[in-house]
Amino acid sequence: MVRFLVLYDTPSDPAAFEQHYREVHIPLAKELPGLRRYIVSRNLAAVRGGAPFYLVAELEWDTMDDLRAAFASPQGRATAADVAELAPEGTVRSMIFEVEDIV
């Protein structure tokens, strides 16, 4: 399994962010080809390393090739382009990685 992790800092206008995220960004992302799971985490609490993120999104695909194909698709390009509207302050970080279940 492969995961795309997105970390959002606190937006300057949380209400506008929430509205756009729910009404525009989530529907776009849910159309990504091959998407297996979309998880959103809120009300984060920092344990170490500074302030917590405002929101964390985790999207999962079966393989790295599936993830890359999803973001190369028209839906992927639209979703990626929407990040500039969702987080115009550039307060978003993302990474991709392979997941290994230990338990």
PDB file of N, CA and C in Angstrom:
ATOM      1  N   MET A   1       0.833  -1.170   0.000  1.00  0.00           N
ATOM      2  CA  MET A   1       0.000   0.000   0.000  1.00  0.00           C
ATOM      3  C   MET A   1       0.884   1.241   0.000  1.00  0.00           C
ATOM      4  N   VAL A   2       0.376   2.295  -0.621  1.00  0.00           N
ATOM      5  CA  VAL A   2       1.095   3.563  -0.712  1.00  0.00           C
ATOM      6  C   VAL A   2       0.196   4.662  -0.169  1.00  0.00           C
ATOM      7  N   ARG A   3       0.785   5.565   0.580  1.00  0.00           N
ATOM      8  CA  ARG A   3       0.014   6.641   1.191  1.00  0.00           C
ATOM      9  C   ARG A   3       0.539   8.000   0.736  1.00  0.00           C
ATOM     10  N   PHE A   4      -0.400   8.906   0.472  1.00  0.00           N
ATOM     11  CA  PHE A   4      -0.117  10.315   0.184  1.00  0.00           C
ATOM     12  C   PHE A   4      -0.584  11.077   1.413  1.00  0.00           C
ATOM     13  N   LEU A   5       0.342  11.701   2.111  1.00  0.00           N
ATOM     14  CA  LEU A   5       0.057  12.410   3.345  1.00  0.00           C
ATOM     15  C   LEU A   5       0.108  13.910   3.088  1.00  0.00           C
ATOM     16  N   VAL A   6      -0.933  14.617   3.530  1.00  0.00           N
ATOM     17  CA  VAL A   6      -1.012  16.065   3.344  1.00  0.00           C
ATOM     18  C   VAL A   6      -1.188  16.710   4.714  1.00  0.00           C
ATOM     19  N   LEU A   7      -0.305  17.664   5.034  1.00  0.00           N
ATOM     20  CA  LEU A   7      -0.302  18.337   6.325  1.00  0.00           C
ATOM     21  C   LEU A   7      -0.618  19.818   6.120  1.00  0.00           C
ATOM     22  N   TYR A   8      -1.702  20.265   6.703  1.00  0.00           N
ATOM     23  CA  TYR A   8      -2.140  21.655   6.546  1.00  0.00           C
ATOM     24  C   TYR A   8      -1.875  22.435   7.825  1.00  0.00           C
ATOM     25  N   ASP A   9      -1.171  23.560   7.701  1.00  0.00           N
ATOM     26  CA  ASP A   9      -1.024  24.482   8.824  1.00  0.00           C
ATOM     27  C   ASP A   9      -2.347  25.229   9.006  1.00  0.00           C
ATOM     28  N   THR A  10      -2.494  25.904  10.134  1.00  0.00           N
ATOM     29  CA  THR A  10      -3.720  26.645  10.403  1.00  0.00           C
ATOM     30  C   THR A  10      -3.904  27.746   9.359  1.00  0.00           C
ATOM     31  N   PRO A  11      -5.032  27.728   8.653  1.00  0.00           N
ATOM     32  CA  PRO A  11      -5.273  28.753   7.625  1.00  0.00           C
ATOM     33  C   PRO A  11      -5.593  30.104   8.247  1.00  0.00           C
ATOM     34  N   SER A  12      -5.381  31.156   7.467  1.00  0.00           N
ATOM     35  CA  SER A  12      -5.692  32.504   7.972  1.00  0.00           C
ATOM     36  C   SER A  12      -7.200  32.695   8.131  1.00  0.00           C
ATOM     37  N   ASP A  13      -7.996  31.989   7.343  1.00  0.00           N
ATOM     38  CA  ASP A  13      -9.461  32.056   7.438  1.00  0.00           C
ATOM     39  C   ASP A  13      -9.992  30.619   7.534  1.00  0.00           C
ATOM     40  N   PRO A  14     -10.058  30.068   8.751  1.00  0.00           N
ATOM     41  CA  PRO A  14     -10.489  28.683   8.906  1.00  0.00           C
ATOM     42  C   PRO A  14     -11.872  28.385   8.321  1.00  0.00           C
ATOM     43  N   ALA A  15     -12.801  29.305   8.446  1.00  0.00           N
ATOM     44  CA  ALA A  15     -14.156  29.062   7.920  1.00  0.00           C
ATOM     45  C   ALA A  15     -14.135  28.917   6.398  1.00  0.00           C
ATOM     46  N   ALA A  16     -13.393  29.782   5.724  1.00  0.00           N
ATOM     47  CA  ALA A  16     -13.287  29.701   4.264  1.00  0.00           C
ATOM     48  C   ALA A  16     -12.566  28.421   3.852  1.00  0.00           C
ATOM     49  N   PHE A  17     -11.516  28.069   4.597  1.00  0.00           N
ATOM     50  CA  PHE A  17     -10.793  26.830   4.316  1.00  0.00           C
ATOM     51  C   PHE A  17     -11.742  25.636   4.428  1.00  0.00           C
ATOM     52  N   GLU A  18     -12.479  25.545   5.521  1.00  0.00           N
ATOM     53  CA  GLU A  18     -13.389  24.423   5.750  1.00  0.00           C
ATOM     54  C   GLU A  18     -14.442  24.311   4.655  1.00  0.00           C
ATOM     55  N   GLN A  19     -14.997  25.435   4.278  1.00  0.00           N
ATOM     56  CA  GLN A  19     -16.021  25.420   3.228  1.00  0.00           C
ATOM     57  C   GLN A  19     -15.433  24.912   1.908  1.00  0.00           C
ATOM     58  N   HIS A  20     -14.291  25.454   1.524  1.00  0.00           N
ATOM     59  CA  HIS A  20     -13.658  25.043   0.273  1.00  0.00           C
ATOM     60  C   HIS A  20     -13.230  23.569   0.345  1.00  0.00           C
ATOM     61  N   TYR A  21     -12.674  23.160   1.467  1.00  0.00           N
ATOM     62  CA  TYR A  21     -12.210  21.776   1.610  1.00  0.00           C
ATOM     63  C   TYR A  21     -13.373  20.800   1.448  1.00  0.00           C
ATOM     64  N   ARG A  22     -14.484  21.074   2.110  1.00  0.00           N
ATOM     65  CA  ARG A  22     -15.655  20.185   2.068  1.00  0.00           C
ATOM     66  C   ARG A  22     -16.397  20.234   0.731  1.00  0.00           C
ATOM     67  N   GLU A  23     -16.555  21.434   0.191  1.00  0.00           N
ATOM     68  CA  GLU A  23     -17.399  21.583  -0.989  1.00  0.00           C
ATOM     69  C   GLU A  23     -16.660  21.420  -2.318  1.00  0.00           C
ATOM     70  N   VAL A  24     -15.359  21.644  -2.327  1.00  0.00           N
ATOM     71  CA  VAL A  24     -14.605  21.600  -3.581  1.00  0.00           C
ATOM     72  C   VAL A  24     -13.507  20.535  -3.546  1.00  0.00           C
ATOM     73  N   HIS A  25     -12.625  20.622  -2.566  1.00  0.00           N
ATOM     74  CA  HIS A  25     -11.427  19.782  -2.601  1.00  0.00           C
ATOM     75  C   HIS A  25     -11.719  18.296  -2.373  1.00  0.00           C
ATOM     76  N   ILE A  26     -12.508  17.972  -1.368  1.00  0.00           N
ATOM     77  CA  ILE A  26     -12.826  16.563  -1.117  1.00  0.00           C
ATOM     78  C   ILE A  26     -13.527  15.932  -2.318  1.00  0.00           C
ATOM     79  N   PRO A  27     -14.549  16.577  -2.897  1.00  0.00           N
ATOM     80  CA  PRO A  27     -15.172  15.962  -4.084  1.00  0.00           C
ATOM     81  C   PRO A  27     -14.186  15.742  -5.239  1.00  0.00           C
ATOM     82  N   LEU A  28     -13.255  16.673  -5.442  1.00  0.00           N
ATOM     83  CA  LEU A  28     -12.234  16.475  -6.480  1.00  0.00           C
ATOM     84  C   LEU A  28     -11.364  15.270  -6.153  1.00  0.00           C
ATOM     85  N   ALA A  29     -10.864  15.202  -4.932  1.00  0.00           N
ATOM     86  CA  ALA A  29      -9.957  14.127  -4.545  1.00  0.00           C
ATOM     87  C   ALA A  29     -10.638  12.761  -4.581  1.00  0.00           C
ATOM     88  N   LYS A  30     -11.897  12.712  -4.240  1.00  0.00           N
ATOM     89  CA  LYS A  30     -12.608  11.434  -4.242  1.00  0.00           C
ATOM     90  C   LYS A  30     -12.762  10.853  -5.645  1.00  0.00           C
ATOM     91  N   GLU A  31     -12.502  11.649  -6.671  1.00  0.00           N
ATOM     92  CA  GLU A  31     -12.566  11.177  -8.058  1.00  0.00           C
ATOM     93  C   GLU A  31     -11.220  10.663  -8.573  1.00  0.00           C
ATOM     94  N   LEU A  32     -10.181  10.712  -7.734  1.00  0.00           N
ATOM     95  CA  LEU A  32      -8.864  10.233  -8.155  1.00  0.00           C
ATOM     96  C   LEU A  32      -8.935   8.745  -8.483  1.00  0.00           C
ATOM     97  N   PRO A  33      -8.483   8.346  -9.657  1.00  0.00           N
ATOM     98  CA  PRO A  33      -8.534   6.936 -10.042  1.00  0.00           C
ATOM     99  C   PRO A  33      -7.748   6.046  -9.078  1.00  0.00           C
ATOM    100  N   GLY A  34      -8.344   4.932  -8.710  1.00  0.00           N
ATOM    101  CA  GLY A  34      -7.673   3.946  -7.885  1.00  0.00           C
ATOM    102  C   GLY A  34      -7.605   4.267  -6.400  1.00  0.00           C
ATOM    103  N   LEU A  35      -8.156   5.404  -5.976  1.00  0.00           N
ATOM    104  CA  LEU A  35      -8.117   5.787  -4.564  1.00  0.00           C
ATOM    105  C   LEU A  35      -8.845   4.737  -3.729  1.00  0.00           C
ATOM    106  N   ARG A  36      -8.165   4.204  -2.724  1.00  0.00           N
ATOM    107  CA  ARG A  36      -8.733   3.159  -1.870  1.00  0.00           C
ATOM    108  C   ARG A  36      -9.324   3.715  -0.578  1.00  0.00           C
ATOM    109  N   ARG A  37      -8.682   4.764  -0.057  1.00  0.00           N
ATOM    110  CA  ARG A  37      -9.089   5.281   1.245  1.00  0.00           C
ATOM    111  C   ARG A  37      -8.708   6.746   1.353  1.00  0.00           C
ATOM    112  N   TYR A  38      -9.577   7.528   2.008  1.00  0.00           N
ATOM    113  CA  TYR A  38      -9.340   8.958   2.230  1.00  0.00           C
ATOM    114  C   TYR A  38      -9.700   9.230   3.685  1.00  0.00           C
ATOM    115  N   ILE A  39      -8.698   9.574   4.474  1.00  0.00           N
ATOM    116  CA  ILE A  39      -8.876   9.798   5.910  1.00  0.00           C
ATOM    117  C   ILE A  39      -8.519  11.246   6.222  1.00  0.00           C
ATOM    118  N   VAL A  40      -9.333  11.894   7.043  1.00  0.00           N
ATOM    119  CA  VAL A  40      -9.046  13.256   7.500  1.00  0.00           C
ATOM    120  C   VAL A  40      -8.952  13.229   9.017  1.00  0.00           C
ATOM    121  N   SER A  41      -7.873  13.790   9.551  1.00  0.00           N
ATOM    122  CA  SER A  41      -7.676  13.876  11.001  1.00  0.00           C
ATOM    123  C   SER A  41      -7.731  15.338  11.423  1.00  0.00           C
ATOM    124  N   ARG A  42      -8.475  15.587  12.495  1.00  0.00           N
ATOM    125  CA  ARG A  42      -8.648  16.947  13.023  1.00  0.00           C
ATOM    126  C   ARG A  42      -8.339  16.970  14.519  1.00  0.00           C
ATOM    127  N   ASN A  43      -8.317  18.163  15.073  1.00  0.00           N
ATOM    128  CA  ASN A  43      -8.104  18.360  16.509  1.00  0.00           C
ATOM    129  C   ASN A  43      -6.822  17.676  16.980  1.00  0.00           C
ATOM    130  N   LEU A  44      -5.766  17.924  16.227  1.00  0.00           N
ATOM    131  CA  LEU A  44      -4.478  17.317  16.523  1.00  0.00           C
ATOM    132  C   LEU A  44      -3.852  17.944  17.766  1.00  0.00           C
ATOM    133  N   ALA A  45      -3.093  17.157  18.489  1.00  0.00           N
ATOM    134  CA  ALA A  45      -2.368  17.636  19.663  1.00  0.00           C
ATOM    135  C   ALA A  45      -0.900  17.286  19.479  1.00  0.00           C
ATOM    136  N   ALA A  46      -0.048  18.280  19.589  1.00  0.00           N
ATOM    137  CA  ALA A  46       1.394  18.040  19.455  1.00  0.00           C
ATOM    138  C   ALA A  46       1.905  17.308  20.690  1.00  0.00           C
ATOM    139  N   VAL A  47       2.742  16.327  20.465  1.00  0.00           N
ATOM    140  CA  VAL A  47       3.397  15.623  21.558  1.00  0.00           C
ATOM    141  C   VAL A  47       4.836  16.120  21.675  1.00  0.00           C
ATOM    142  N   ARG A  48       5.502  16.233  20.516  1.00  0.00           N
ATOM    143  CA  ARG A  48       6.860  16.780  20.438  1.00  0.00           C
ATOM    144  C   ARG A  48       6.980  17.574  19.146  1.00  0.00           C
ATOM    145  N   GLY A  49       7.879  18.522  19.124  1.00  0.00           N
ATOM    146  CA  GLY A  49       8.231  19.177  17.876  1.00  0.00           C
ATOM    147  C   GLY A  49       7.434  20.397  17.491  1.00  0.00           C
ATOM    148  N   GLY A  50       6.788  21.055  18.420  1.00  0.00           N
ATOM    149  CA  GLY A  50       6.136  22.311  18.078  1.00  0.00           C
ATOM    150  C   GLY A  50       4.636  22.202  17.910  1.00  0.00           C
ATOM    151  N   ALA A  51       4.085  23.198  17.265  1.00  0.00           N
ATOM    152  CA  ALA A  51       2.635  23.303  17.109  1.00  0.00           C
ATOM    153  C   ALA A  51       2.092  22.178  16.223  1.00  0.00           C
ATOM    154  N   PRO A  52       0.888  21.712  16.532  1.00  0.00           N
ATOM    155  CA  PRO A  52       0.284  20.672  15.699  1.00  0.00           C
ATOM    156  C   PRO A  52      -0.230  21.258  14.387  1.00  0.00           C
ATOM    157  N   PHE A  53      -0.468  20.393  13.442  1.00  0.00           N
ATOM    158  CA  PHE A  53      -1.066  20.821  12.184  1.00  0.00           C
ATOM    159  C   PHE A  53      -2.562  21.043  12.392  1.00  0.00           C
ATOM    160  N   TYR A  54      -3.145  21.823  11.522  1.00  0.00           N
ATOM    161  CA  TYR A  54      -4.573  22.104  11.576  1.00  0.00           C
ATOM    162  C   TYR A  54      -5.371  20.885  11.126  1.00  0.00           C
ATOM    163  N   LEU A  55      -4.906  20.250  10.062  1.00  0.00           N
ATOM    164  CA  LEU A  55      -5.607  19.114   9.485  1.00  0.00           C
ATOM    165  C   LEU A  55      -4.592  18.208   8.797  1.00  0.00           C
ATOM    166  N   VAL A  56      -4.818  16.906   8.867  1.00  0.00           N
ATOM    167  CA  VAL A  56      -3.979  15.929   8.182  1.00  0.00           C
ATOM    168  C   VAL A  56      -4.892  15.068   7.321  1.00  0.00           C
ATOM    169  N   ALA A  57      -4.534  14.919   6.059  1.00  0.00           N
ATOM    170  CA  ALA A  57      -5.284  14.052   5.149  1.00  0.00           C
ATOM    171  C   ALA A  57      -4.371  12.918   4.697  1.00  0.00           C
ATOM    172  N   GLU A  58      -4.923  11.717   4.654  1.00  0.00           N
ATOM    173  CA  GLU A  58      -4.187  10.540   4.208  1.00  0.00           C
ATOM    174  C   GLU A  58      -4.990   9.869   3.101  1.00  0.00           C
ATOM    175  N   LEU A  59      -4.377   9.723   1.938  1.00  0.00           N
ATOM    176  CA  LEU A  59      -5.016   9.074   0.802  1.00  0.00           C
ATOM    177  C   LEU A  59      -4.192   7.851   0.438  1.00  0.00           C
ATOM    178  N   GLU A  60      -4.867   6.740   0.151  1.00  0.00           N
ATOM    179  CA  GLU A  60      -4.149   5.492  -0.074  1.00  0.00           C
ATOM    180  C   GLU A  60      -4.478   4.861  -1.423  1.00  0.00           C
ATOM    181  N   TRP A  61      -3.427   4.261  -2.013  1.00  0.00           N
ATOM    182  CA  TRP A  61      -3.530   3.495  -3.264  1.00  0.00           C
ATOM    183  C   TRP A  61      -2.845   2.152  -3.047  1.00  0.00           C
ATOM    184  N   ASP A  62      -3.103   1.223  -3.946  1.00  0.00           N
ATOM    185  CA  ASP A  62      -2.476  -0.095  -3.847  1.00  0.00           C
ATOM    186  C   ASP A  62      -0.972  -0.047  -4.116  1.00  0.00           C
ATOM    187  N   THR A  63      -0.564   0.733  -5.125  1.00  0.00           N
ATOM    188  CA  THR A  63       0.853   0.767  -5.520  1.00  0.00           C
ATOM    189  C   THR A  63       1.287   2.192  -5.827  1.00  0.00           C
ATOM    190  N   MET A  64       2.595   2.390  -5.861  1.00  0.00           N
ATOM    191  CA  MET A  64       3.153   3.697  -6.230  1.00  0.00           C
ATOM    192  C   MET A  64       2.765   4.049  -7.665  1.00  0.00           C
ATOM    193  N   ASP A  65       2.748   3.080  -8.550  1.00  0.00           N
ATOM    194  CA  ASP A  65       2.332   3.334  -9.935  1.00  0.00           C
ATOM    195  C   ASP A  65       0.884   3.802  -9.993  1.00  0.00           C
ATOM    196  N   ASP A  66       0.014   3.223  -9.155  1.00  0.00           N
ATOM    197  CA  ASP A  66      -1.389   3.647  -9.110  1.00  0.00           C
ATOM    198  C   ASP A  66      -1.497   5.095  -8.645  1.00  0.00           C
ATOM    199  N   LEU A  67      -0.729   5.454  -7.623  1.00  0.00           N
ATOM    200  CA  LEU A  67      -0.745   6.835  -7.119  1.00  0.00           C
ATOM    201  C   LEU A  67      -0.266   7.797  -8.200  1.00  0.00           C
ATOM    202  N   ARG A  68       0.837   7.467  -8.845  1.00  0.00           N
ATOM    203  CA  ARG A  68       1.379   8.347  -9.890  1.00  0.00           C
ATOM    204  C   ARG A  68       0.394   8.495 -11.047  1.00  0.00           C
ATOM    205  N   ALA A  69      -0.251   7.398 -11.434  1.00  0.00           N
ATOM    206  CA  ALA A  69      -1.243   7.461 -12.514  1.00  0.00           C
ATOM    207  C   ALA A  69      -2.431   8.330 -12.102  1.00  0.00           C
ATOM    208  N   ALA A  70      -2.822   8.242 -10.847  1.00  0.00           N
ATOM    209  CA  ALA A  70      -3.946   9.050 -10.360  1.00  0.00           C
ATOM    210  C   ALA A  70      -3.644  10.535 -10.486  1.00  0.00           C
ATOM    211  N   PHE A  71      -2.437  10.954 -10.083  1.00  0.00           N
ATOM    212  CA  PHE A  71      -2.110  12.374 -10.144  1.00  0.00           C
ATOM    213  C   PHE A  71      -1.739  12.843 -11.545  1.00  0.00           C
ATOM    214  N   ALA A  72      -1.469  11.917 -12.454  1.00  0.00           N
ATOM    215  CA  ALA A  72      -1.232  12.279 -13.860  1.00  0.00           C
ATOM    216  C   ALA A  72      -2.540  12.396 -14.631  1.00  0.00           C
ATOM    217  N   SER A  73      -3.622  11.909 -14.052  1.00  0.00           N
ATOM    218  CA  SER A  73      -4.930  11.939 -14.709  1.00  0.00           C
ATOM    219  C   SER A  73      -5.514  13.354 -14.676  1.00  0.00           C
ATOM    220  N   PRO A  74      -6.536  13.620 -15.484  1.00  0.00           N
ATOM    221  CA  PRO A  74      -7.196  14.934 -15.419  1.00  0.00           C
ATOM    222  C   PRO A  74      -7.727  15.247 -14.018  1.00  0.00           C
ATOM    223  N   GLN A  75      -8.263  14.234 -13.317  1.00  0.00           N
ATOM    224  CA  GLN A  75      -8.765  14.445 -11.958  1.00  0.00           C
ATOM    225  C   GLN A  75      -7.617  14.788 -11.004  1.00  0.00           C
ATOM    226  N   GLY A  76      -6.479  14.142 -11.215  1.00  0.00           N
ATOM    227  CA  GLY A  76      -5.310  14.422 -10.375  1.00  0.00           C
ATOM    228  C   GLY A  76      -4.765  15.818 -10.593  1.00  0.00           C
ATOM    229  N   ARG A  77      -4.710  16.217 -11.837  1.00  0.00           N
ATOM    230  CA  ARG A  77      -4.223  17.574 -12.129  1.00  0.00           C
ATOM    231  C   ARG A  77      -5.175  18.624 -11.556  1.00  0.00           C
ATOM    232  N   ALA A  78      -6.483  18.369 -11.637  1.00  0.00           N
ATOM    233  CA  ALA A  78      -7.465  19.315 -11.084  1.00  0.00           C
ATOM    234  C   ALA A  78      -7.352  19.389  -9.562  1.00  0.00           C
ATOM    235  N   THR A  79      -7.180  18.244  -8.930  1.00  0.00           N
ATOM    236  CA  THR A  79      -7.047  18.210  -7.467  1.00  0.00           C
ATOM    237  C   THR A  79      -5.783  18.944  -7.028  1.00  0.00           C
ATOM    238  N   ALA A  80      -4.675  18.682  -7.700  1.00  0.00           N
ATOM    239  CA  ALA A  80      -3.413  19.347  -7.361  1.00  0.00           C
ATOM    240  C   ALA A  80      -3.507  20.852  -7.586  1.00  0.00           C
ATOM    241  N   ALA A  81      -4.135  21.265  -8.672  1.00  0.00           N
ATOM    242  CA  ALA A  81      -4.276  22.695  -8.966  1.00  0.00           C
ATOM    243  C   ALA A  81      -5.142  23.393  -7.920  1.00  0.00           C
ATOM    244  N   ASP A  82      -6.109  22.682  -7.372  1.00  0.00           N
ATOM    245  CA  ASP A  82      -7.007  23.280  -6.385  1.00  0.00           C
ATOM    246  C   ASP A  82      -6.302  23.612  -5.073  1.00  0.00           C
ATOM    247  N   VAL A  83      -5.174  23.000  -4.800  1.00  0.00           N
ATOM    248  CA  VAL A  83      -4.456  23.279  -3.554  1.00  0.00           C
ATOM    249  C   VAL A  83      -4.091  24.762  -3.464  1.00  0.00           C
ATOM    250  N   ALA A  84      -3.780  25.390  -4.586  1.00  0.00           N
ATOM    251  CA  ALA A  84      -3.453  26.825  -4.585  1.00  0.00           C
ATOM    252  C   ALA A  84      -4.653  27.671  -4.155  1.00  0.00           C
ATOM    253  N   GLU A  85      -5.856  27.197  -4.458  1.00  0.00           N
ATOM    254  CA  GLU A  85      -7.072  27.894  -4.019  1.00  0.00           C
ATOM    255  C   GLU A  85      -7.367  27.589  -2.549  1.00  0.00           C
ATOM    256  N   LEU A  86      -7.169  26.349  -2.173  1.00  0.00           N
ATOM    257  CA  LEU A  86      -7.469  25.903  -0.808  1.00  0.00           C
ATOM    258  C   LEU A  86      -6.509  26.503   0.211  1.00  0.00           C
ATOM    259  N   ALA A  87      -5.232  26.524  -0.116  1.00  0.00           N
ATOM    260  CA  ALA A  87      -4.204  27.008   0.809  1.00  0.00           C
ATOM    261  C   ALA A  87      -3.322  28.023   0.100  1.00  0.00           C
ATOM    262  N   PRO A  88      -3.858  29.220  -0.209  1.00  0.00           N
ATOM    263  CA  PRO A  88      -3.091  30.205  -0.979  1.00  0.00           C
ATOM    264  C   PRO A  88      -1.851  30.726  -0.262  1.00  0.00           C
ATOM    265  N   GLU A  89      -1.811  30.551   1.057  1.00  0.00           N
ATOM    266  CA  GLU A  89      -0.640  31.008   1.807  1.00  0.00           C
ATOM    267  C   GLU A  89       0.525  30.038   1.672  1.00  0.00           C
ATOM    268  N   GLY A  90       0.308  28.913   0.983  1.00  0.00           N
ATOM    269  CA  GLY A  90       1.365  27.919   0.841  1.00  0.00           C
ATOM    270  C   GLY A  90       1.630  27.161   2.129  1.00  0.00           C
ATOM    271  N   THR A  91       0.604  27.031   2.954  1.00  0.00           N
ATOM    272  CA  THR A  91       0.769  26.402   4.262  1.00  0.00           C
ATOM    273  C   THR A  91       0.376  24.925   4.234  1.00  0.00           C
ATOM    274  N   VAL A  92       0.827  24.233   3.223  1.00  0.00           N
ATOM    275  CA  VAL A  92       0.527  22.816   3.079  1.00  0.00           C
ATOM    276  C   VAL A  92       1.809  22.080   2.711  1.00  0.00           C
ATOM    277  N   ARG A  93       2.000  20.925   3.322  1.00  0.00           N
ATOM    278  CA  ARG A  93       3.135  20.061   3.000  1.00  0.00           C
ATOM    279  C   ARG A  93       2.593  18.683   2.663  1.00  0.00           C
ATOM    280  N   SER A  94       3.304  17.980   1.805  1.00  0.00           N
ATOM    281  CA  SER A  94       2.839  16.639   1.446  1.00  0.00           C
ATOM    282  C   SER A  94       4.023  15.718   1.190  1.00  0.00           C
ATOM    283  N   MET A  95       3.744  14.426   1.283  1.00  0.00           N
ATOM    284  CA  MET A  95       4.765  13.407   1.017  1.00  0.00           C
ATOM    285  C   MET A  95       4.058  12.108   0.647  1.00  0.00           C
ATOM    286  N   ILE A  96       4.798  11.250  -0.045  1.00  0.00           N
ATOM    287  CA  ILE A  96       4.284   9.931  -0.364  1.00  0.00           C
ATOM    288  C   ILE A  96       5.232   8.882   0.193  1.00  0.00           C
ATOM    289  N   PHE A  97       4.666   7.740   0.572  1.00  0.00           N
ATOM    290  CA  PHE A  97       5.493   6.686   1.128  1.00  0.00           C
ATOM    291  C   PHE A  97       4.772   5.353   1.075  1.00  0.00           C
ATOM    292  N   GLU A  98       5.558   4.289   1.125  1.00  0.00           N
ATOM    293  CA  GLU A  98       5.007   2.946   1.192  1.00  0.00           C
ATOM    294  C   GLU A  98       4.677   2.619   2.639  1.00  0.00           C
ATOM    295  N   VAL A  99       3.596   1.874   2.838  1.00  0.00           N
ATOM    296  CA  VAL A  99       3.117   1.532   4.169  1.00  0.00           C
ATOM    297  C   VAL A  99       3.392   0.050   4.431  1.00  0.00           C
ATOM    298  N   GLU A 100       3.889  -0.232   5.617  1.00  0.00           N
ATOM    299  CA  GLU A 100       4.110  -1.619   6.038  1.00  0.00           C
ATOM    300  C   GLU A 100       3.379  -1.842   7.350  1.00  0.00           C
ATOM    301  N   ASP A 101       2.424  -2.752   7.358  1.00  0.00           N
ATOM    302  CA  ASP A 101       1.737  -3.098   8.591  1.00  0.00           C
ATOM    303  C   ASP A 101       2.639  -3.977   9.437  1.00  0.00           C
ATOM    304  N   ILE A 102       2.826  -3.629  10.686  1.00  0.00           N
ATOM    305  CA  ILE A 102       3.680  -4.381  11.587  1.00  0.00           C
ATOM    306  C   ILE A 102       2.846  -5.330  12.455  1.00  0.00           C
ATOM    307  N   VAL A 103       1.662  -4.924  12.835  1.00  0.00           N
ATOM    308  CA  VAL A 103       0.816  -5.744  13.699  1.00  0.00           C
ATOM    309  C   VAL A 103      -0.149  -6.549  12.855  1.00  0.00           C
TER     310      VAL A 103
END
